[in-house]
Amino acid sequence: MNPPRDIRIQGIPDSVPEAIAAVCRSRFSLAVNKLLDETGIEDIKVTVSTALEKDSSQNGQNSIQKKSDRDLSPEERAKRYKAQKPLFTFEQLVIPEKVREDLLLAVDLIRLESKVFDEWGLRKIEPFPRTALNFHGKPGTGKTLAAHAIASKINRPILVASYAQIESMYHGEGPKNVEAIFLAAEQQNALLFIDEADSLLSKRLTNVTQGSEQAINSMRSQLLICLERFRGVVMFSTNLVENYDKAFETRVRNIYFPMPDETCRREIWNRHLVKELPTAPDISLEKLAQVEDVCGRDIKNAVIDAAMRAARQRKEELTLSELLESINSIKKARINVTPASRPLTPEEKEETEKKIKEALAKKKQEGTS
């Protein structure tokens, strides 16, 4: 297969959210590359339109008047990104006490940064006072919710971006998007939250041979530059931490989000079984909480799934067996994206050892009873 061509896609209206536009460009680029590979065509121009007829001369004038995306300055790009009011409060978080304390410490650092590091002069010895945080852990463990919760706690809007919004098929565009996102957050005094940031924080590639690899390295280098000069709060969300670039490790404070324990699971179930939901008398939070290896997202989806099934069958209430069936079905259908050869993180190792000790203690107790 030939290397990907530099395909130019224009015409997606500015009103389309960048996340949707990025996915559209990516899929269209893949389709065109596949067409060229399978037909041997060297060059092609594809026009896509939903209108039956258009004045070609008018189209030409519009394309001239409209500035190319590739020519936009960082200030112009920054206007595309709008901060929003946080969707969740700190009180909505259901997390282990250790994680809560880490987050509250982060909030205090954010609030006190100006006083301690500027007024008291400590920025001379610590230019990066831990206002860059990285939430890592399995999907559905509350990382996104925590970012919104902290934004609410410090009374700031939140600007949410993902790797898909930053990445570009054009060489040189990714670093410009990184700069624009940080600029937008600074201009709007918003907490910047970059989701799915594993690719951005990973080690820079060596022995680069392809343009795509060079583009990734350029984005990572630009991210370091932005972290150096950004006077605000930035948070990342990732799944893995063992492949991080050392340069990022010294600039971000890592907070691990484990899968919820039984106490947290009980509270999550309790919050999702809202009072309007008709439930049978046999519903037991204790029994639901005993279902292990489930996260908050799994529990939410299980409640919705069980409720939809009950409504379709015209039942008047939700039973314990239906909720257990839904949560177990979600567990079985879950795709395990963690490679078997990946070493456990220290937090995962500690959690595994704890579960083994608890299981052995329970077995010993059953043997003596």
Protein backbone atom coordinates (compact mmCIF):
# COMPACT_ATOMS: atom_id res chain seq x y z
CA MET A 1 0.00 0.00 0.00
CA ASN A 2 1.25 3.44 -0.87
CA PRO A 3 1.81 6.01 1.90
CA PRO A 4 -1.17 8.32 2.54
CA ARG A 5 -1.38 11.23 0.10
CA ASP A 6 -1.73 14.85 1.13
CA ILE A 7 -5.45 15.09 0.42
CA ARG A 8 -7.09 18.50 0.70
CA ILE A 9 -10.66 18.62 1.97
CA GLN A 10 -12.48 21.95 2.04
CA GLY A 11 -16.00 23.22 2.39
CA ILE A 12 -17.13 21.88 5.76
CA PRO A 13 -18.98 24.86 7.30
CA ASP A 14 -17.50 26.53 10.37
CA SER A 15 -20.79 25.88 12.16
CA VAL A 16 -20.05 22.13 12.20
CA PRO A 17 -18.40 21.13 15.53
CA GLU A 18 -14.71 20.49 14.99
CA ALA A 19 -14.90 16.99 16.48
CA ILE A 20 -17.49 15.96 13.86
CA ALA A 21 -15.61 17.71 11.06
CA ALA A 22 -12.35 15.97 12.04
CA VAL A 23 -13.98 12.53 11.88
CA CYS A 24 -15.51 13.39 8.50
CA ARG A 25 -12.15 14.51 7.09
CA SER A 26 -10.42 11.40 8.43
CA ARG A 27 -12.97 8.97 6.94
CA PHE A 28 -13.09 10.77 3.61
CA SER A 29 -9.30 10.76 3.42
CA LEU A 30 -9.18 7.00 4.07
CA ALA A 31 -11.81 6.36 1.39
CA VAL A 32 -9.98 8.43 -1.24
CA ASN A 33 -6.63 6.81 -0.44
CA LYS A 34 -8.22 3.36 -0.80
CA LEU A 35 -9.68 4.37 -4.17
CA LEU A 36 -6.29 5.55 -5.43
CA ASP A 37 -4.54 2.40 -4.19
CA GLU A 38 -7.03 0.04 -5.83
CA THR A 39 -7.33 1.87 -9.17
CA GLY A 40 -3.78 3.11 -9.65
CA ILE A 41 -5.03 6.65 -10.27
CA GLU A 42 -2.33 9.20 -9.46
CA ASP A 43 -4.50 12.28 -9.04
CA ILE A 44 -8.20 12.90 -8.58
CA LYS A 45 -10.59 15.73 -7.79
CA VAL A 46 -13.85 14.80 -6.06
CA THR A 47 -16.78 17.20 -5.68
CA VAL A 48 -19.49 16.43 -3.13
CA SER A 49 -22.69 18.46 -3.06
CA THR A 50 -26.22 18.12 -1.71
CA ALA A 51 -27.57 20.70 -4.18
CA LEU A 52 -28.75 19.67 -7.66
CA GLU A 53 -27.37 22.73 -9.39
CA LYS A 54 -25.03 25.50 -8.37
CA ASP A 55 -23.59 28.45 -10.15
CA SER A 56 -19.97 27.41 -10.62
CA SER A 57 -18.81 31.00 -10.90
CA GLN A 58 -20.45 31.82 -7.55
CA ASN A 59 -18.74 28.81 -5.98
CA GLY A 60 -15.42 30.06 -7.26
CA GLN A 61 -15.97 33.48 -5.73
CA ASN A 62 -16.92 31.96 -2.38
CA SER A 63 -13.79 29.79 -2.28
CA ILE A 64 -11.66 32.85 -2.99
CA GLN A 65 -13.36 34.92 -0.32
CA LYS A 66 -13.14 32.19 2.28
CA LYS A 67 -9.74 31.97 3.89
CA SER A 68 -8.11 28.55 3.75
CA ASP A 69 -7.99 26.69 7.07
CA ARG A 70 -4.27 26.19 6.58
CA ASP A 71 -3.72 29.96 6.48
CA LEU A 72 -5.51 30.74 9.73
CA SER A 73 -3.44 32.32 12.50
CA PRO A 74 -3.47 30.85 16.04
CA GLU A 75 -5.74 33.71 17.13
CA GLU A 76 -8.22 32.90 14.35
CA ARG A 77 -8.10 29.19 15.12
CA ALA A 78 -8.66 29.90 18.82
CA LYS A 79 -12.06 31.41 18.02
CA ARG A 80 -13.29 27.94 17.03
CA TYR A 81 -13.01 26.64 20.57
CA LYS A 82 -15.66 27.73 23.07
CA ALA A 83 -15.63 27.04 26.77
CA GLN A 84 -18.80 25.83 28.45
CA LYS A 85 -20.31 25.72 31.89
CA PRO A 86 -19.20 22.59 33.78
CA LEU A 87 -21.74 19.78 33.54
CA PHE A 88 -21.00 18.28 36.96
CA THR A 89 -20.24 19.52 40.47
CA PHE A 90 -17.69 18.18 42.94
CA GLU A 91 -20.50 16.78 45.08
CA GLN A 92 -21.51 14.45 42.23
CA LEU A 93 -18.18 12.62 42.30
CA VAL A 94 -18.22 9.10 43.72
CA ILE A 95 -14.57 8.12 44.07
CA PRO A 96 -12.29 6.53 46.69
CA GLU A 97 -11.25 8.86 49.51
CA LYS A 98 -7.61 8.89 48.38
CA VAL A 99 -8.58 10.14 44.93
CA ARG A 100 -10.89 12.76 46.45
CA GLU A 101 -8.04 14.04 48.62
CA ASP A 102 -5.72 14.23 45.61
CA LEU A 103 -8.32 16.25 43.71
CA LEU A 104 -8.94 18.60 46.66
CA LEU A 105 -5.19 19.12 46.93
CA ALA A 106 -5.13 20.00 43.25
CA VAL A 107 -7.96 22.50 43.80
CA ASP A 108 -6.02 24.10 46.67
CA LEU A 109 -2.88 24.33 44.53
CA ILE A 110 -4.87 26.06 41.80
CA ARG A 111 -6.43 28.54 44.24
CA LEU A 112 -3.19 29.33 46.05
CA GLU A 113 -0.84 29.36 43.07
CA SER A 114 -0.77 33.13 42.59
CA LYS A 115 -0.15 33.85 46.27
CA VAL A 116 2.50 31.19 46.91
CA PHE A 117 4.38 31.21 43.63
CA ASP A 118 4.02 34.83 42.52
CA GLU A 119 3.60 36.94 45.68
CA TRP A 120 5.93 34.75 47.72
CA GLY A 121 8.39 34.28 44.86
CA LEU A 122 8.49 30.48 44.74
CA ARG A 123 8.07 30.45 40.97
CA LYS A 124 11.82 31.14 40.86
CA ILE A 125 12.47 27.63 42.14
CA GLU A 126 9.35 25.89 40.73
CA PRO A 127 8.19 27.28 37.37
CA PHE A 128 5.55 24.53 37.07
CA PRO A 129 3.58 24.39 40.35
CA ARG A 130 1.50 21.35 39.38
CA THR A 131 -1.37 23.13 37.66
CA ALA A 132 -1.10 20.53 34.89
CA LEU A 133 -2.84 17.30 35.89
CA ASN A 134 -3.21 13.95 34.20
CA PHE A 135 -6.09 11.66 35.13
CA HIS A 136 -5.28 8.08 34.19
CA GLY A 137 -7.23 4.87 34.58
CA LYS A 138 -9.66 2.62 32.78
CA PRO A 139 -12.51 4.14 30.76
CA GLY A 140 -15.62 4.99 32.75
CA THR A 141 -13.86 5.57 36.09
CA GLY A 142 -14.83 9.24 36.38
CA LYS A 143 -11.94 11.14 34.76
CA THR A 144 -14.10 13.41 32.58
CA LEU A 145 -16.59 13.97 35.39
CA ALA A 146 -13.71 14.97 37.69
CA ALA A 147 -12.45 17.59 35.23
CA HIS A 148 -15.90 19.19 35.10
CA ALA A 149 -16.17 18.93 38.90
CA ILE A 150 -12.88 20.76 39.47
CA ALA A 151 -13.84 23.47 36.97
CA SER A 152 -17.05 23.93 38.95
CA LYS A 153 -15.14 23.95 42.25
CA ILE A 154 -12.80 26.76 41.12
CA ASN A 155 -15.67 28.59 39.43
CA ARG A 156 -14.32 28.51 35.88
CA PRO A 157 -15.76 27.40 32.55
CA ILE A 158 -14.28 24.29 30.95
CA LEU A 159 -12.91 23.99 27.43
CA VAL A 160 -13.05 20.36 26.32
CA ALA A 161 -10.91 19.14 23.44
CA SER A 162 -9.89 15.69 22.24
CA TYR A 163 -7.00 14.29 20.27
CA ALA A 164 -9.31 13.99 17.24
CA GLN A 165 -9.87 17.76 17.30
CA ILE A 166 -6.16 18.49 17.49
CA GLU A 167 -4.92 15.98 14.93
CA SER A 168 -4.96 17.04 11.29
CA MET A 169 -4.34 15.23 8.02
CA TYR A 170 -2.24 18.18 6.88
CA HIS A 171 1.38 18.25 7.98
CA GLY A 172 1.98 21.22 10.24
CA GLU A 173 -1.66 21.71 11.20
CA GLY A 174 -1.60 19.69 14.44
CA PRO A 175 0.92 21.95 16.25
CA LYS A 176 -1.11 25.02 15.22
CA ASN A 177 -4.25 23.44 16.67
CA VAL A 178 -2.42 22.66 19.94
CA GLU A 179 -1.34 26.29 20.22
CA ALA A 180 -4.86 27.52 19.37
CA ILE A 181 -6.53 25.38 22.06
CA PHE A 182 -4.21 26.66 24.78
CA LEU A 183 -4.68 30.23 23.55
CA ALA A 184 -8.47 29.85 23.59
CA ALA A 185 -8.41 28.55 27.18
CA GLU A 186 -6.21 31.42 28.30
CA GLN A 187 -8.38 34.03 26.59
CA GLN A 188 -11.56 32.61 28.14
CA ASN A 189 -9.96 31.96 31.56
CA ALA A 190 -11.16 28.37 31.21
CA LEU A 191 -9.93 25.09 32.59
CA LEU A 192 -8.53 23.22 29.58
CA PHE A 193 -9.41 19.51 29.48
CA ILE A 194 -7.77 17.39 26.77
CA ASP A 195 -9.44 13.99 26.53
CA GLU A 196 -7.94 10.86 24.91
CA ALA A 197 -4.48 12.38 25.31
CA ASP A 198 -2.41 9.15 25.28
CA SER A 199 -0.96 9.89 21.84
CA LEU A 200 -0.03 13.44 22.82
CA LEU A 201 1.79 12.50 26.04
CA SER A 202 3.63 9.44 24.70
CA LYS A 203 7.35 9.34 23.97
CA ARG A 204 8.47 11.21 20.88
CA LEU A 205 9.35 8.92 18.01
CA THR A 206 12.93 8.27 16.97
CA ASN A 207 14.23 7.33 13.51
CA VAL A 208 11.31 9.15 11.92
CA THR A 209 10.78 8.10 8.30
CA GLN A 210 7.21 9.17 7.47
CA GLY A 211 5.50 12.52 7.41
CA SER A 212 2.82 11.28 9.80
CA GLU A 213 5.47 10.40 12.40
CA GLN A 214 7.06 13.80 12.01
CA ALA A 215 3.64 15.42 12.49
CA ILE A 216 3.10 13.52 15.76
CA ASN A 217 6.51 14.58 17.07
CA SER A 218 5.77 18.19 16.12
CA MET A 219 2.50 18.13 18.07
CA ARG A 220 4.23 16.72 21.14
CA SER A 221 6.98 19.33 20.96
CA GLN A 222 4.40 22.10 20.59
CA LEU A 223 2.51 20.74 23.60
CA LEU A 224 5.65 21.06 25.71
CA ILE A 225 6.10 24.65 24.56
CA CYS A 226 2.49 25.46 25.44
CA LEU A 227 2.82 23.89 28.88
CA GLU A 228 5.91 26.01 29.49
CA ARG A 229 4.14 29.32 28.94
CA PHE A 230 0.50 28.53 29.76
CA ARG A 231 -0.74 30.49 32.78
CA GLY A 232 -3.81 28.48 33.56
CA VAL A 233 -5.11 25.02 34.44
CA VAL A 234 -4.81 22.11 32.02
CA MET A 235 -5.94 18.54 32.60
CA PHE A 236 -5.39 15.45 30.51
CA SER A 237 -7.27 12.16 30.46
CA THR A 238 -5.42 8.98 29.50
CA ASN A 239 -5.68 5.22 29.93
CA LEU A 240 -2.00 4.27 30.20
CA VAL A 241 1.01 5.97 31.78
CA GLU A 242 3.99 3.67 31.24
CA ASN A 243 4.85 5.08 27.80
CA TYR A 244 4.92 8.78 28.72
CA ASP A 245 7.64 11.09 27.56
CA LYS A 246 9.91 11.96 30.51
CA ALA A 247 9.53 15.65 29.64
CA PHE A 248 5.80 15.40 30.39
CA GLU A 249 6.31 13.48 33.63
CA THR A 250 8.10 16.48 35.15
CA ARG A 251 5.34 18.86 34.09
CA VAL A 252 2.14 17.03 35.02
CA ARG A 253 0.85 15.57 38.27
CA ASN A 254 -0.65 12.13 37.77
CA ILE A 255 -3.83 11.08 39.57
CA TYR A 256 -4.93 7.47 39.23
CA PHE A 257 -8.64 6.63 38.97
CA PRO A 258 -9.18 2.98 40.00
CA MET A 259 -12.24 0.91 39.34
CA PRO A 260 -14.77 1.66 42.10
CA ASP A 261 -14.65 -0.52 45.19
CA GLU A 262 -17.76 -2.02 46.79
CA THR A 263 -18.52 1.09 48.85
CA CYS A 264 -18.32 3.33 45.78
CA ARG A 265 -20.34 0.87 43.68
CA ARG A 266 -23.13 0.92 46.24
CA GLU A 267 -23.31 4.71 46.16
CA ILE A 268 -23.18 4.81 42.36
CA TRP A 269 -26.06 2.32 42.13
CA ASN A 270 -27.98 4.35 44.69
CA ARG A 271 -27.58 7.58 42.71
CA HIS A 272 -28.57 6.01 39.40
CA LEU A 273 -31.69 4.33 40.75
CA VAL A 274 -33.51 7.67 40.77
CA LYS A 275 -36.64 8.07 42.88
CA GLU A 276 -38.94 8.30 39.83
CA LEU A 277 -37.82 4.86 38.63
CA PRO A 278 -40.36 2.19 39.64
CA THR A 279 -38.39 -0.49 41.45
CA ALA A 280 -39.50 -3.78 42.98
CA PRO A 281 -39.15 -4.44 46.73
CA ASP A 282 -36.43 -7.02 46.05
CA ILE A 283 -33.94 -4.36 44.86
CA SER A 284 -30.87 -4.65 47.08
CA LEU A 285 -28.05 -2.14 46.83
CA GLU A 286 -25.83 -4.53 48.76
CA LYS A 287 -26.29 -7.32 46.21
CA LEU A 288 -25.82 -4.95 43.26
CA ALA A 289 -22.65 -3.54 44.81
CA GLN A 290 -21.20 -7.03 45.08
CA VAL A 291 -20.90 -7.25 41.28
CA GLU A 292 -17.19 -6.56 40.77
CA ASP A 293 -15.16 -5.09 37.91
CA VAL A 294 -17.76 -2.53 36.87
CA CYS A 295 -17.35 1.23 36.60
CA GLY A 296 -19.79 4.09 36.91
CA ARG A 297 -20.48 4.11 33.19
CA ASP A 298 -21.30 0.39 33.28
CA ILE A 299 -23.77 0.94 36.12
CA LYS A 300 -25.47 3.84 34.36
CA ASN A 301 -25.80 1.83 31.15
CA ALA A 302 -27.14 -1.17 33.07
CA VAL A 303 -29.89 0.90 34.71
CA ILE A 304 -30.89 2.40 31.35
CA ASP A 305 -30.78 -0.98 29.61
CA ALA A 306 -32.88 -2.71 32.28
CA ALA A 307 -35.39 0.16 32.32
CA MET A 308 -35.78 0.10 28.54
CA ARG A 309 -36.31 -3.67 28.54
CA ALA A 310 -38.91 -3.42 31.29
CA ALA A 311 -40.74 -0.63 29.47
CA ARG A 312 -40.76 -2.60 26.19
CA GLN A 313 -42.28 -5.57 28.01
CA ARG A 314 -44.83 -3.25 29.62
CA LYS A 315 -43.72 -4.08 33.11
CA GLU A 316 -44.65 -1.76 35.95
CA GLU A 317 -41.44 -2.09 37.94
CA LEU A 318 -37.78 -2.98 37.72
CA THR A 319 -36.54 -6.09 39.54
CA LEU A 320 -33.17 -7.06 40.98
CA SER A 321 -32.76 -9.95 38.52
CA GLU A 322 -33.24 -7.58 35.56
CA LEU A 323 -30.57 -5.20 36.84
CA LEU A 324 -28.17 -8.07 37.51
CA GLU A 325 -28.82 -9.50 34.07
CA SER A 326 -28.10 -6.14 32.44
CA ILE A 327 -24.87 -5.47 34.34
CA ASN A 328 -23.57 -8.99 33.68
CA SER A 329 -24.40 -8.68 29.98
CA ILE A 330 -22.44 -5.42 29.83
CA LYS A 331 -19.47 -7.08 31.52
CA LYS A 332 -19.50 -9.98 29.04
CA ALA A 333 -19.79 -7.67 26.03
CA ARG A 334 -17.01 -5.38 27.16
CA ILE A 335 -14.01 -5.37 24.84
CA ASN A 336 -10.77 -5.72 26.75
CA VAL A 337 -8.38 -3.29 25.10
CA THR A 338 -5.56 -3.83 27.60
CA PRO A 339 -2.77 -5.98 26.07
CA ALA A 340 -2.05 -9.09 28.11
CA SER A 341 1.68 -8.36 27.94
CA ARG A 342 1.37 -4.85 29.39
CA PRO A 343 2.93 -4.57 32.83
CA LEU A 344 0.65 -3.47 35.62
CA THR A 345 0.94 0.08 36.89
CA PRO A 346 1.90 0.41 40.59
CA GLU A 347 -1.70 1.29 41.43
CA GLU A 348 -3.08 -1.71 39.50
CA LYS A 349 -0.52 -3.99 41.16
CA GLU A 350 -1.51 -2.71 44.61
CA GLU A 351 -5.21 -3.17 43.82
CA THR A 352 -4.61 -6.74 42.54
CA GLU A 353 -2.61 -7.71 45.63
CA LYS A 354 -5.36 -6.29 47.85
CA LYS A 355 -8.02 -8.38 46.09
CA ILE A 356 -5.89 -11.53 46.41
CA LYS A 357 -5.41 -10.96 50.16
CA GLU A 358 -9.13 -10.34 50.65
CA ALA A 359 -10.01 -13.52 48.73
CA LEU A 360 -7.52 -15.61 50.74
CA ALA A 361 -8.80 -14.16 54.02
CA LYS A 362 -12.40 -14.90 53.04
CA LYS A 363 -11.51 -18.45 52.05
CA LYS A 364 -9.66 -18.99 55.32
CA GLN A 365 -12.62 -17.65 57.30
CA GLU A 366 -15.03 -19.97 55.46
CA GLY A 367 -12.73 -22.90 56.23
CA THR A 368 -12.76 -22.24 59.96
CA SER A 369 -16.50 -21.60 60.23
